[in-house]
């Protein structure tokens, strides 16, 4: 299967918040990301690692009604995933997902083959610093006050 991150996004979400998109554009401006392959809009995010350090594109998009068959039993949320094989760009994938979770709150659920308290720890601390609010994790990714 491989090392994978998963997400569920509310089927009714119309666009990603502008603040999240702006922060994500800053995050992917990184030497770990293939700068010629980035495409970020208010309805999808697409990027990958560089050269041999690339794996699957991280393609996060908002659901459309035609994609309703991809909804699962996760309370009306659209399912997506990205296999990174723990390649260097994995840290950017985690940070992008955390930024989206920060802004989308309960409209998004994140899970991972990795541990939020181990593999995700540095990314959680970094996004907490960037967003000015501590992100706490347990079994599921939750936002704390």
N, C-alpha and C. Protein backbone atom coordinates (compact mmCIF):
# COMPACT_ATOMS: atom_id res chain seq x y z
N UNK A 1 0.82 -1.19 0.00
CA UNK A 1 0.00 0.00 0.00
C UNK A 1 0.87 1.26 0.00
N UNK A 2 1.79 1.38 0.95
CA UNK A 2 2.62 2.58 1.02
C UNK A 2 2.14 3.53 2.11
N UNK A 3 2.97 4.47 2.40
CA UNK A 3 2.69 5.47 3.43
C UNK A 3 1.78 6.53 2.84
N UNK A 4 0.59 6.72 3.44
CA UNK A 4 -0.46 7.53 2.84
C UNK A 4 -1.11 8.44 3.86
N UNK A 5 -1.53 9.62 3.39
CA UNK A 5 -2.35 10.54 4.18
C UNK A 5 -3.72 10.59 3.52
N UNK A 6 -4.78 10.71 4.34
CA UNK A 6 -6.16 10.67 3.87
C UNK A 6 -6.90 11.91 4.37
N UNK A 7 -7.92 12.32 3.62
CA UNK A 7 -8.75 13.42 4.08
C UNK A 7 -10.17 13.23 3.57
N UNK A 8 -11.07 13.85 4.30
CA UNK A 8 -12.48 13.91 3.94
C UNK A 8 -12.88 15.39 4.02
N UNK A 9 -13.52 15.90 2.97
CA UNK A 9 -13.93 17.30 2.92
C UNK A 9 -15.44 17.34 2.69
N UNK A 10 -16.13 18.22 3.43
CA UNK A 10 -17.58 18.36 3.28
C UNK A 10 -17.96 18.51 1.82
N UNK A 11 -18.98 17.78 1.42
CA UNK A 11 -19.43 17.84 0.03
C UNK A 11 -20.02 19.19 -0.35
N UNK A 12 -20.43 20.00 0.62
CA UNK A 12 -21.06 21.29 0.34
C UNK A 12 -20.08 22.46 0.30
N UNK A 13 -18.81 22.20 0.57
CA UNK A 13 -17.82 23.29 0.56
C UNK A 13 -17.65 23.82 -0.86
N UNK A 14 -17.76 25.13 -1.04
CA UNK A 14 -17.72 25.74 -2.37
C UNK A 14 -16.33 26.20 -2.79
N UNK A 15 -15.50 26.62 -1.82
CA UNK A 15 -14.13 27.04 -2.15
C UNK A 15 -13.28 27.01 -0.89
N UNK A 16 -11.97 26.90 -1.10
CA UNK A 16 -11.05 26.97 0.01
C UNK A 16 -10.92 28.43 0.44
N UNK A 17 -10.78 28.69 1.74
CA UNK A 17 -10.63 30.08 2.20
C UNK A 17 -9.37 30.73 1.61
N UNK A 18 -9.49 31.98 1.24
CA UNK A 18 -8.38 32.72 0.63
C UNK A 18 -7.15 32.74 1.54
N UNK A 19 -7.36 32.89 2.85
CA UNK A 19 -6.23 32.91 3.79
C UNK A 19 -5.47 31.58 3.74
N UNK A 20 -6.21 30.48 3.64
CA UNK A 20 -5.57 29.16 3.57
C UNK A 20 -4.77 29.03 2.28
N UNK A 21 -5.35 29.44 1.17
CA UNK A 21 -4.67 29.35 -0.13
C UNK A 21 -3.39 30.18 -0.12
N UNK A 22 -3.44 31.38 0.43
CA UNK A 22 -2.24 32.23 0.49
C UNK A 22 -1.14 31.58 1.31
N UNK A 23 -1.49 31.00 2.44
CA UNK A 23 -0.50 30.34 3.29
C UNK A 23 0.06 29.09 2.59
N UNK A 24 -0.80 28.35 1.93
CA UNK A 24 -0.37 27.15 1.20
C UNK A 24 0.60 27.53 0.07
N UNK A 25 0.33 28.62 -0.64
CA UNK A 25 1.25 29.07 -1.70
C UNK A 25 2.63 29.37 -1.13
N UNK A 26 2.68 29.92 0.08
CA UNK A 26 3.98 30.16 0.72
C UNK A 26 4.65 28.85 1.10
N UNK A 27 3.87 27.88 1.58
CA UNK A 27 4.43 26.59 2.00
C UNK A 27 5.03 25.82 0.83
N UNK A 28 4.38 25.85 -0.32
CA UNK A 28 4.89 25.06 -1.45
C UNK A 28 6.00 25.77 -2.21
N UNK A 29 6.31 26.99 -1.83
CA UNK A 29 7.46 27.70 -2.39
C UNK A 29 8.70 27.20 -1.65
N UNK A 30 9.08 25.96 -1.93
CA UNK A 30 10.09 25.25 -1.16
C UNK A 30 10.91 24.39 -2.12
N UNK A 31 12.17 24.19 -1.83
CA UNK A 31 13.04 23.40 -2.70
C UNK A 31 12.62 21.93 -2.77
N UNK A 32 11.77 21.47 -1.84
CA UNK A 32 11.30 20.08 -1.85
C UNK A 32 10.19 19.86 -2.88
N UNK A 33 9.64 20.94 -3.43
CA UNK A 33 8.50 20.88 -4.34
C UNK A 33 8.94 21.24 -5.75
N UNK A 34 8.44 20.47 -6.73
CA UNK A 34 8.69 20.77 -8.14
C UNK A 34 7.93 22.05 -8.50
N UNK A 35 8.64 23.15 -8.62
CA UNK A 35 8.00 24.45 -8.83
C UNK A 35 7.31 24.56 -10.19
N UNK A 36 7.67 23.72 -11.14
CA UNK A 36 7.03 23.78 -12.46
C UNK A 36 5.70 23.02 -12.48
N UNK A 37 5.40 22.30 -11.41
CA UNK A 37 4.23 21.43 -11.39
C UNK A 37 3.16 21.88 -10.38
N UNK A 38 3.30 23.07 -9.82
CA UNK A 38 2.35 23.55 -8.81
C UNK A 38 1.14 24.18 -9.49
N UNK A 39 -0.03 23.85 -8.99
CA UNK A 39 -1.25 24.49 -9.47
C UNK A 39 -2.18 24.62 -8.26
N UNK A 40 -2.44 25.85 -7.86
CA UNK A 40 -3.25 26.11 -6.67
C UNK A 40 -4.32 27.14 -7.02
N UNK A 41 -5.58 26.77 -6.77
CA UNK A 41 -6.71 27.67 -6.97
C UNK A 41 -7.59 27.61 -5.73
N UNK A 42 -8.73 28.29 -5.77
CA UNK A 42 -9.63 28.23 -4.62
C UNK A 42 -10.47 26.96 -4.63
N UNK A 43 -10.28 26.07 -5.63
CA UNK A 43 -11.03 24.82 -5.65
C UNK A 43 -10.15 23.57 -5.73
N UNK A 44 -8.85 23.73 -5.96
CA UNK A 44 -7.96 22.56 -5.89
C UNK A 44 -6.52 22.99 -5.64
N UNK A 45 -5.75 22.01 -5.14
CA UNK A 45 -4.33 22.19 -4.82
C UNK A 45 -3.62 20.99 -5.42
N UNK A 46 -2.54 21.23 -6.17
CA UNK A 46 -1.84 20.16 -6.82
C UNK A 46 -0.33 20.45 -6.81
N UNK A 47 0.46 19.51 -6.27
CA UNK A 47 1.92 19.65 -6.27
C UNK A 47 2.55 18.29 -6.03
N UNK A 48 3.86 18.20 -6.24
CA UNK A 48 4.60 16.97 -6.02
C UNK A 48 6.03 17.32 -5.62
N UNK A 49 6.77 16.30 -5.26
CA UNK A 49 8.17 16.49 -4.93
C UNK A 49 9.00 16.70 -6.19
N UNK A 50 10.31 16.77 -6.00
CA UNK A 50 11.23 17.05 -7.11
C UNK A 50 11.94 15.76 -7.53
N UNK A 51 11.95 15.49 -8.85
CA UNK A 51 12.73 14.38 -9.41
C UNK A 51 12.46 13.05 -8.75
N UNK A 52 13.56 12.39 -8.34
CA UNK A 52 13.43 11.09 -7.68
C UNK A 52 12.74 11.20 -6.32
N UNK A 53 12.65 12.39 -5.78
CA UNK A 53 11.98 12.59 -4.50
C UNK A 53 10.49 12.88 -4.66
N UNK A 54 9.98 12.75 -5.89
CA UNK A 54 8.54 12.84 -6.13
C UNK A 54 7.92 11.46 -5.94
N UNK A 55 6.66 11.43 -5.66
CA UNK A 55 5.92 10.16 -5.60
C UNK A 55 4.56 10.41 -6.24
N UNK A 56 3.49 10.47 -5.48
CA UNK A 56 2.18 10.84 -6.04
C UNK A 56 1.97 12.33 -5.89
N UNK A 57 1.29 12.92 -6.86
CA UNK A 57 0.88 14.31 -6.69
C UNK A 57 -0.05 14.41 -5.50
N UNK A 58 0.13 15.45 -4.72
CA UNK A 58 -0.84 15.78 -3.68
C UNK A 58 -1.91 16.61 -4.39
N UNK A 59 -3.04 15.99 -4.64
CA UNK A 59 -4.12 16.64 -5.37
C UNK A 59 -5.35 16.69 -4.46
N UNK A 60 -5.59 17.86 -3.93
CA UNK A 60 -6.71 18.08 -3.01
C UNK A 60 -7.71 18.95 -3.74
N UNK A 61 -8.91 18.42 -3.93
CA UNK A 61 -9.91 19.22 -4.64
C UNK A 61 -11.24 19.17 -3.92
N UNK A 62 -12.03 20.17 -4.23
CA UNK A 62 -13.38 20.21 -3.68
C UNK A 62 -14.26 19.26 -4.47
N UNK A 63 -15.20 18.62 -3.80
CA UNK A 63 -16.08 17.69 -4.50
C UNK A 63 -17.08 18.41 -5.40
N UNK A 64 -17.48 17.70 -6.46
CA UNK A 64 -18.57 18.18 -7.29
C UNK A 64 -19.70 17.17 -7.19
N UNK A 65 -20.86 17.55 -7.59
CA UNK A 65 -22.01 16.64 -7.50
C UNK A 65 -21.78 15.38 -8.32
N UNK A 66 -21.04 15.48 -9.45
CA UNK A 66 -20.75 14.30 -10.26
C UNK A 66 -19.88 13.30 -9.52
N UNK A 67 -19.18 13.74 -8.49
CA UNK A 67 -18.28 12.85 -7.76
C UNK A 67 -18.92 12.31 -6.50
N UNK A 68 -20.22 12.40 -6.39
CA UNK A 68 -20.88 11.98 -5.15
C UNK A 68 -20.68 10.50 -4.87
N UNK A 69 -20.36 9.70 -5.91
CA UNK A 69 -20.11 8.28 -5.68
C UNK A 69 -18.86 8.07 -4.83
N UNK A 70 -18.01 9.06 -4.72
CA UNK A 70 -16.81 8.94 -3.89
C UNK A 70 -17.07 9.31 -2.43
N UNK A 71 -18.29 9.74 -2.14
CA UNK A 71 -18.64 9.99 -0.75
C UNK A 71 -18.72 8.65 -0.05
N UNK A 72 -18.22 8.60 1.17
CA UNK A 72 -18.33 7.35 1.90
C UNK A 72 -19.20 7.58 3.13
N UNK A 73 -19.09 6.70 4.07
CA UNK A 73 -19.95 6.80 5.25
C UNK A 73 -19.39 7.76 6.30
N UNK A 74 -18.48 8.64 5.92
CA UNK A 74 -17.89 9.59 6.86
C UNK A 74 -18.72 10.87 6.92
N UNK A 75 -20.01 10.71 7.16
CA UNK A 75 -20.93 11.83 7.38
C UNK A 75 -20.93 12.84 6.24
N UNK A 76 -21.07 12.37 5.01
CA UNK A 76 -21.22 13.27 3.86
C UNK A 76 -19.96 14.01 3.46
N UNK A 77 -18.81 13.43 3.68
CA UNK A 77 -17.55 14.07 3.31
C UNK A 77 -16.92 13.34 2.12
N UNK A 78 -16.30 14.10 1.23
CA UNK A 78 -15.64 13.60 0.03
C UNK A 78 -14.25 13.10 0.41
N UNK A 79 -13.88 11.94 -0.09
CA UNK A 79 -12.64 11.26 0.29
C UNK A 79 -11.51 11.54 -0.70
N UNK A 80 -10.31 11.76 -0.17
CA UNK A 80 -9.11 11.90 -0.98
C UNK A 80 -7.92 11.35 -0.24
N UNK A 81 -6.82 11.10 -0.95
CA UNK A 81 -5.61 10.59 -0.31
C UNK A 81 -4.39 10.92 -1.16
N UNK A 82 -3.20 10.82 -0.53
CA UNK A 82 -1.94 11.02 -1.23
C UNK A 82 -0.90 10.07 -0.62
N UNK A 83 -0.31 9.24 -1.48
CA UNK A 83 0.79 8.37 -1.06
C UNK A 83 2.09 9.14 -1.28
N UNK A 84 2.85 9.33 -0.21
CA UNK A 84 4.11 10.08 -0.32
C UNK A 84 5.34 9.18 -0.17
N UNK A 85 5.14 7.95 0.30
CA UNK A 85 6.25 7.02 0.52
C UNK A 85 7.32 7.62 1.44
N UNK A 86 6.92 8.55 2.28
CA UNK A 86 7.82 9.24 3.22
C UNK A 86 8.97 9.97 2.50
N UNK A 87 8.75 10.35 1.26
CA UNK A 87 9.77 11.11 0.54
C UNK A 87 9.80 12.53 1.11
N UNK A 88 10.87 13.29 0.85
CA UNK A 88 11.06 14.59 1.52
C UNK A 88 9.87 15.55 1.42
N UNK A 89 9.11 15.55 0.32
CA UNK A 89 7.99 16.47 0.20
C UNK A 89 6.82 16.12 1.13
N UNK A 90 6.89 14.96 1.77
CA UNK A 90 5.85 14.53 2.71
C UNK A 90 5.58 15.60 3.78
N UNK A 91 6.61 16.25 4.26
CA UNK A 91 6.45 17.28 5.28
C UNK A 91 5.59 18.44 4.76
N UNK A 92 5.71 18.77 3.49
CA UNK A 92 4.90 19.84 2.91
C UNK A 92 3.46 19.37 2.76
N UNK A 93 3.24 18.12 2.36
CA UNK A 93 1.89 17.57 2.28
C UNK A 93 1.20 17.67 3.64
N UNK A 94 1.91 17.26 4.68
CA UNK A 94 1.33 17.34 6.03
C UNK A 94 0.98 18.77 6.40
N UNK A 95 1.87 19.70 6.12
CA UNK A 95 1.62 21.11 6.47
C UNK A 95 0.43 21.68 5.70
N UNK A 96 0.32 21.34 4.42
CA UNK A 96 -0.82 21.81 3.62
C UNK A 96 -2.12 21.26 4.20
N UNK A 97 -2.14 19.98 4.53
CA UNK A 97 -3.35 19.40 5.12
C UNK A 97 -3.69 20.05 6.46
N UNK A 98 -2.68 20.34 7.25
CA UNK A 98 -2.92 21.00 8.54
C UNK A 98 -3.46 22.41 8.37
N UNK A 99 -2.95 23.15 7.39
CA UNK A 99 -3.47 24.50 7.13
C UNK A 99 -4.94 24.41 6.72
N UNK A 100 -5.26 23.48 5.83
CA UNK A 100 -6.66 23.33 5.42
C UNK A 100 -7.53 22.96 6.62
N UNK A 101 -7.06 22.04 7.43
CA UNK A 101 -7.82 21.65 8.63
C UNK A 101 -8.02 22.85 9.55
N UNK A 102 -7.00 23.66 9.71
CA UNK A 102 -7.09 24.83 10.58
C UNK A 102 -8.21 25.76 10.10
N UNK A 103 -8.28 25.99 8.80
CA UNK A 103 -9.28 26.93 8.27
C UNK A 103 -10.65 26.28 8.04
N UNK A 104 -10.68 25.00 7.72
CA UNK A 104 -11.96 24.34 7.44
C UNK A 104 -12.62 23.77 8.69
N UNK A 105 -11.85 23.62 9.74
CA UNK A 105 -12.33 23.09 11.03
C UNK A 105 -13.10 21.78 10.82
N UNK A 106 -14.35 21.70 11.24
CA UNK A 106 -15.09 20.43 11.17
C UNK A 106 -15.56 20.08 9.77
N UNK A 107 -15.24 20.90 8.78
CA UNK A 107 -15.58 20.58 7.39
C UNK A 107 -14.53 19.66 6.77
N UNK A 108 -13.49 19.31 7.55
CA UNK A 108 -12.43 18.44 7.05
C UNK A 108 -11.97 17.51 8.17
N UNK A 109 -11.69 16.26 7.79
CA UNK A 109 -11.11 15.28 8.71
C UNK A 109 -9.85 14.74 8.04
N UNK A 110 -8.78 14.63 8.81
CA UNK A 110 -7.51 14.11 8.31
C UNK A 110 -7.17 12.83 9.07
N UNK A 111 -6.64 11.85 8.35
CA UNK A 111 -6.07 10.66 8.99
C UNK A 111 -4.80 10.31 8.22
N UNK A 112 -4.01 9.41 8.75
CA UNK A 112 -2.72 9.12 8.15
C UNK A 112 -2.21 7.76 8.58
N UNK A 113 -1.35 7.18 7.76
CA UNK A 113 -0.65 5.97 8.17
C UNK A 113 0.40 6.30 9.22
N UNK A 114 0.78 7.57 9.31
CA UNK A 114 1.74 8.03 10.31
C UNK A 114 1.04 8.45 11.59
N UNK A 115 1.82 8.65 12.62
CA UNK A 115 1.31 9.09 13.92
C UNK A 115 1.34 10.61 14.01
N UNK A 116 0.23 11.20 14.46
CA UNK A 116 0.20 12.65 14.64
C UNK A 116 1.18 13.08 15.74
N UNK A 117 1.52 12.18 16.64
CA UNK A 117 2.44 12.53 17.71
C UNK A 117 3.90 12.20 17.39
N UNK A 118 4.14 11.56 16.25
CA UNK A 118 5.52 11.24 15.87
C UNK A 118 5.84 11.89 14.52
N UNK A 119 5.43 11.27 13.40
CA UNK A 119 5.77 11.81 12.07
C UNK A 119 5.23 13.22 11.85
N UNK A 120 4.06 13.51 12.38
CA UNK A 120 3.42 14.80 12.15
C UNK A 120 3.85 15.90 13.12
N UNK A 121 4.57 15.57 14.18
CA UNK A 121 4.85 16.52 15.27
C UNK A 121 5.49 17.82 14.79
N UNK A 122 6.53 17.74 13.99
CA UNK A 122 7.22 18.95 13.54
C UNK A 122 6.29 19.80 12.68
N UNK A 123 5.53 19.17 11.80
CA UNK A 123 4.59 19.92 10.96
C UNK A 123 3.49 20.57 11.79
N UNK A 124 2.99 19.86 12.78
CA UNK A 124 1.96 20.44 13.66
C UNK A 124 2.51 21.66 14.38
N UNK A 125 3.72 21.56 14.91
CA UNK A 125 4.32 22.70 15.60
C UNK A 125 4.53 23.88 14.66
N UNK A 126 4.98 23.61 13.43
CA UNK A 126 5.22 24.67 12.45
C UNK A 126 3.91 25.36 12.05
N UNK A 127 2.87 24.60 11.77
CA UNK A 127 1.59 25.20 11.37
C UNK A 127 0.95 25.93 12.55
N UNK A 128 1.11 25.41 13.75
CA UNK A 128 0.63 26.13 14.95
C UNK A 128 1.29 27.50 15.03
N UNK A 129 2.59 27.54 14.78
CA UNK A 129 3.32 28.81 14.81
C UNK A 129 2.83 29.74 13.70
N UNK A 130 2.70 29.22 12.50
CA UNK A 130 2.27 30.03 11.35
C UNK A 130 0.85 30.59 11.53
N UNK A 131 -0.03 29.79 12.12
CA UNK A 131 -1.43 30.20 12.28
C UNK A 131 -1.68 30.93 13.59
N UNK A 132 -0.69 30.92 14.48
CA UNK A 132 -0.85 31.63 15.75
C UNK A 132 -1.82 30.97 16.71
N UNK A 133 -2.01 29.66 16.55
CA UNK A 133 -2.93 28.93 17.41
C UNK A 133 -2.44 27.49 17.53
N UNK A 134 -2.37 26.99 18.75
CA UNK A 134 -1.87 25.64 18.97
C UNK A 134 -2.84 24.61 18.44
N UNK A 135 -2.32 23.64 17.71
CA UNK A 135 -3.12 22.52 17.21
C UNK A 135 -2.80 21.32 18.10
N UNK A 136 -3.84 20.75 18.70
CA UNK A 136 -3.69 19.57 19.54
C UNK A 136 -4.17 18.35 18.77
N UNK A 137 -3.51 17.21 18.98
CA UNK A 137 -3.93 16.00 18.32
C UNK A 137 -4.13 14.88 19.32
N UNK A 138 -5.11 14.06 19.00
CA UNK A 138 -5.35 12.82 19.76
C UNK A 138 -5.49 11.72 18.73
N UNK A 139 -6.53 10.89 18.85
CA UNK A 139 -6.77 9.88 17.84
C UNK A 139 -7.11 10.51 16.50
N UNK A 140 -7.88 11.58 16.54
CA UNK A 140 -8.23 12.35 15.36
C UNK A 140 -7.58 13.70 15.48
N UNK A 141 -7.45 14.39 14.37
CA UNK A 141 -6.87 15.71 14.39
C UNK A 141 -7.94 16.71 14.85
N UNK A 142 -7.69 17.40 15.94
CA UNK A 142 -8.63 18.37 16.49
C UNK A 142 -7.93 19.71 16.67
N UNK A 143 -8.69 20.77 16.67
CA UNK A 143 -8.14 22.09 16.93
C UNK A 143 -8.39 22.44 18.39
N UNK A 144 -7.40 23.00 19.04
CA UNK A 144 -7.56 23.42 20.43
C UNK A 144 -7.56 24.91 20.57
N UNK A 145 -8.08 25.38 21.66
CA UNK A 145 -8.12 26.82 21.94
C UNK A 145 -6.84 27.23 22.62
